[in-house]
Protein backbone atom coordinates (compact mmCIF):
# COMPACT_ATOMS: atom_id res chain seq x y z
CA MET A 1 -11.82 150.47 148.04
CA ASP A 2 -9.19 149.23 145.60
CA LYS A 3 -10.24 145.47 145.18
CA ARG A 4 -6.40 144.45 145.21
CA LYS A 5 -6.03 147.06 148.07
CA ALA A 6 -8.79 145.14 150.15
CA ALA A 7 -7.53 141.81 149.07
CA VAL A 8 -3.97 142.48 150.54
CA GLU A 9 -6.00 143.57 153.93
CA ILE A 10 -7.59 140.76 154.51
CA ILE A 11 -4.68 138.74 153.19
CA PHE A 12 -2.58 140.59 155.89
CA ALA A 13 -5.03 140.02 158.67
CA ILE A 14 -5.03 136.36 158.26
CA LEU A 15 -1.77 135.79 157.83
CA ILE A 16 -0.76 137.84 161.34
CA ILE A 17 -4.17 135.11 162.58
CA ILE A 18 -2.48 132.59 161.22
CA ALA A 19 1.26 133.60 162.79
CA VAL A 20 -0.36 134.07 166.49
CA PHE A 21 -1.73 129.91 166.40
CA ALA A 22 1.55 128.74 164.67
CA LEU A 23 3.33 130.38 167.98
CA SER A 24 0.41 130.46 170.43
CA ASP A 25 3.08 127.77 172.14
CA LYS A 26 5.79 130.20 172.33
CA ILE A 27 3.66 133.20 173.63
CA SER A 28 4.03 132.36 177.61
CA GLU A 29 7.69 132.27 177.38
CA LEU A 30 7.38 136.02 176.22
CA GLN A 31 6.61 136.56 179.86
CA GLN A 32 9.86 136.45 180.95
CA PHE A 33 10.75 139.27 179.16
CA GLY A 34 8.59 141.74 181.83
CA TYR A 35 7.07 144.49 180.54
CA ALA A 36 7.95 143.98 176.60
CA GLY A 37 6.42 140.65 177.11
CA VAL A 38 3.28 141.51 178.22
CA PHE A 39 3.12 143.61 175.57
CA VAL A 40 3.49 141.46 172.73
CA ILE A 41 1.87 138.44 174.24
CA SER A 42 -1.33 141.26 174.57
CA LEU A 43 -0.80 142.36 170.65
CA LEU A 44 -0.86 138.80 169.42
CA SER A 45 -3.91 137.61 171.53
CA ALA A 46 -5.69 140.53 170.62
CA ALA A 47 -4.99 140.31 166.28
CA THR A 48 -6.98 136.99 166.78
CA ILE A 49 -10.54 137.60 165.60
CA PHE A 50 -13.19 135.38 166.89
CA PHE A 51 -10.62 133.19 168.66
CA PRO A 52 -10.26 134.29 171.98
CA ALA A 53 -6.35 133.93 173.36
CA PRO A 54 -5.42 134.50 176.85
CA GLY A 55 -4.04 137.54 177.24
CA TRP A 56 -5.50 138.58 180.07
CA ALA A 57 -4.16 135.37 181.94
CA ALA A 58 -0.46 137.30 181.30
CA VAL A 59 -1.48 140.37 182.29
CA ILE A 60 -2.57 139.04 186.03
CA ALA A 61 0.27 136.73 186.55
CA MET A 62 2.54 139.88 185.80
CA GLY A 63 0.38 142.05 187.90
CA GLY A 64 1.49 140.06 190.98
CA VAL A 65 5.37 140.47 189.91
CA LEU A 66 5.27 143.90 188.01
CA ASN A 67 4.21 147.57 188.50
CA PRO A 68 0.55 146.89 187.97
CA TYR A 69 -0.06 150.32 186.11
CA LEU A 70 3.07 149.60 183.92
CA VAL A 71 1.70 146.40 183.09
CA GLY A 72 -1.54 147.66 182.44
CA ILE A 73 -0.54 149.95 180.29
CA ALA A 74 2.14 148.00 178.64
CA ALA A 75 -1.22 145.13 177.77
CA GLY A 76 -3.51 147.93 176.92
CA VAL A 77 -1.23 149.78 174.02
CA GLY A 78 -0.67 145.95 172.98
CA SER A 79 -3.61 145.27 172.60
CA GLY A 80 -5.20 147.86 171.08
CA ILE A 81 -3.02 148.08 168.73
CA GLY A 82 -3.13 144.41 168.13
CA GLU A 83 -7.10 145.00 167.24
CA ILE A 84 -6.14 146.75 164.00
CA THR A 85 -6.86 142.93 162.38
CA GLY A 86 -10.13 143.65 162.65
CA TYR A 87 -10.62 146.43 161.35
CA MET A 88 -8.46 145.77 158.76
CA VAL A 89 -10.34 143.07 157.47
CA GLY A 90 -13.69 145.09 157.99
CA ASN A 91 -12.35 147.76 155.88
CA GLY A 92 -11.83 145.21 153.71
CA ILE A 93 -14.60 143.58 153.29
CA THR A 94 -16.99 146.83 153.02
CA GLU A 95 -19.01 145.44 150.08
CA LEU A 96 -19.28 141.97 151.29
CA SER A 97 -20.54 143.08 155.12
CA ASP A 98 -22.65 145.51 154.32
CA ALA A 99 -26.18 143.48 155.60
CA ARG A 100 -24.10 141.29 158.19
CA LEU A 101 -22.66 144.36 160.10
CA GLU A 102 -25.66 146.60 159.69
CA GLY A 103 -26.38 146.25 163.38
CA GLN A 104 -22.70 146.72 164.70
CA LYS A 105 -22.74 149.71 162.33
CA LYS A 106 -26.05 151.65 163.57
CA MET A 107 -24.55 150.72 167.45
CA ILE A 108 -21.72 152.61 166.27
CA ARG A 109 -23.48 155.40 164.74
CA LYS A 110 -26.25 155.85 167.53
CA TYR A 111 -23.31 155.87 170.51
CA GLY A 112 -20.24 157.03 168.73
CA SER A 113 -16.39 156.31 169.91
CA GLY A 114 -17.95 155.90 173.41
CA ILE A 115 -19.68 152.46 172.28
CA ILE A 116 -16.01 151.29 170.96
CA PHE A 117 -14.42 152.38 174.27
CA LEU A 118 -17.14 150.48 176.21
CA LEU A 119 -16.49 147.41 174.10
CA ALA A 120 -13.02 147.70 174.61
CA PHE A 121 -13.21 148.24 178.06
CA ILE A 122 -15.44 145.00 178.97
CA PRO A 123 -14.14 141.71 178.30
CA ASN A 124 -16.76 140.22 175.53
CA PRO A 125 -16.75 138.44 171.85
CA LEU A 126 -18.46 141.27 170.37
CA PHE A 127 -15.74 143.60 170.31
CA ASP A 128 -14.45 141.92 167.10
CA VAL A 129 -17.42 142.17 165.81
CA ALA A 130 -17.36 146.38 166.44
CA GLY A 131 -13.64 146.01 165.32
CA LEU A 132 -15.26 144.44 161.94
CA ALA A 133 -17.96 147.70 162.09
CA ALA A 134 -15.63 150.10 162.69
CA GLY A 135 -13.80 148.69 159.74
CA ALA A 136 -16.06 148.59 157.27
CA MET A 137 -17.36 151.79 157.94
CA LYS A 138 -14.03 153.78 157.65
CA MET A 139 -14.00 155.06 161.11
CA ASN A 140 -10.74 156.85 161.43
CA VAL A 141 -7.97 153.97 162.00
CA LEU A 142 -6.06 156.73 164.92
CA LYS A 143 -9.34 157.25 166.36
CA PHE A 144 -10.40 153.20 166.66
CA ILE A 145 -6.70 152.69 167.52
CA ALA A 146 -6.86 154.85 170.69
CA LEU A 147 -10.34 154.17 171.73
CA CYS A 148 -8.91 150.23 171.95
CA ILE A 149 -5.76 151.34 173.59
CA LEU A 150 -7.89 153.80 175.76
CA GLY A 151 -10.49 150.49 177.37
CA ARG A 152 -8.10 148.13 177.15
CA THR A 153 -5.56 149.98 179.21
CA ILE A 154 -8.20 150.46 181.79
CA ARG A 155 -8.89 147.20 181.58
CA TYR A 156 -5.77 145.37 182.24
CA ILE A 157 -4.70 147.91 185.03
CA LEU A 158 -7.36 146.73 187.16
CA LEU A 159 -6.88 142.59 185.95
CA ALA A 160 -2.95 143.79 186.83
CA HIS A 161 -4.04 144.81 190.26
CA LEU A 162 -5.92 141.94 190.63
CA GLY A 163 -2.83 139.84 189.99
CA MET A 164 -1.48 142.29 192.53
CA PHE A 165 -3.75 141.23 195.12
CA ILE A 166 -4.04 137.62 194.37
CA GLY A 167 -0.21 136.73 193.55
CA PRO A 168 1.11 135.84 197.09
CA TYR A 169 -1.57 133.14 197.21
CA VAL A 170 -1.08 131.77 193.75
CA LEU A 171 2.54 132.35 192.30
């Protein structure tokens, strides 16, 4: 990979992360925009690497007032697209990261696409590392995003339904 292209990918991902943190106090205001707000909140919260942002809280809250299936889909698509930052950093630091990401690369080689889907579905901090490894391995970016969207959509539909059930008690 061209070193300039790698540097641009890393810098772009870092700028996205900085923007998310700089605007973090404004993110909750996006809830007033319904499904589009949930999409943007989820996209921004997933765009951070190793610093979790609570996008799931908006999903639960909005599931209490909007259609939980549509909330889950909007959040899943936003979150899946937001995960591109980790992939881009991994893609940009391939040469630097081989030894550090070898364990995650082995896991992806062994379990294939299913592990990306599973890690996207299960709330856990390992997903950022898996995204870095997928980028470093040059996994097809569209396949990576599709797996992220699928896993996150299922997770967020379940969380939105939780909001539908607990909403009357907490809202």
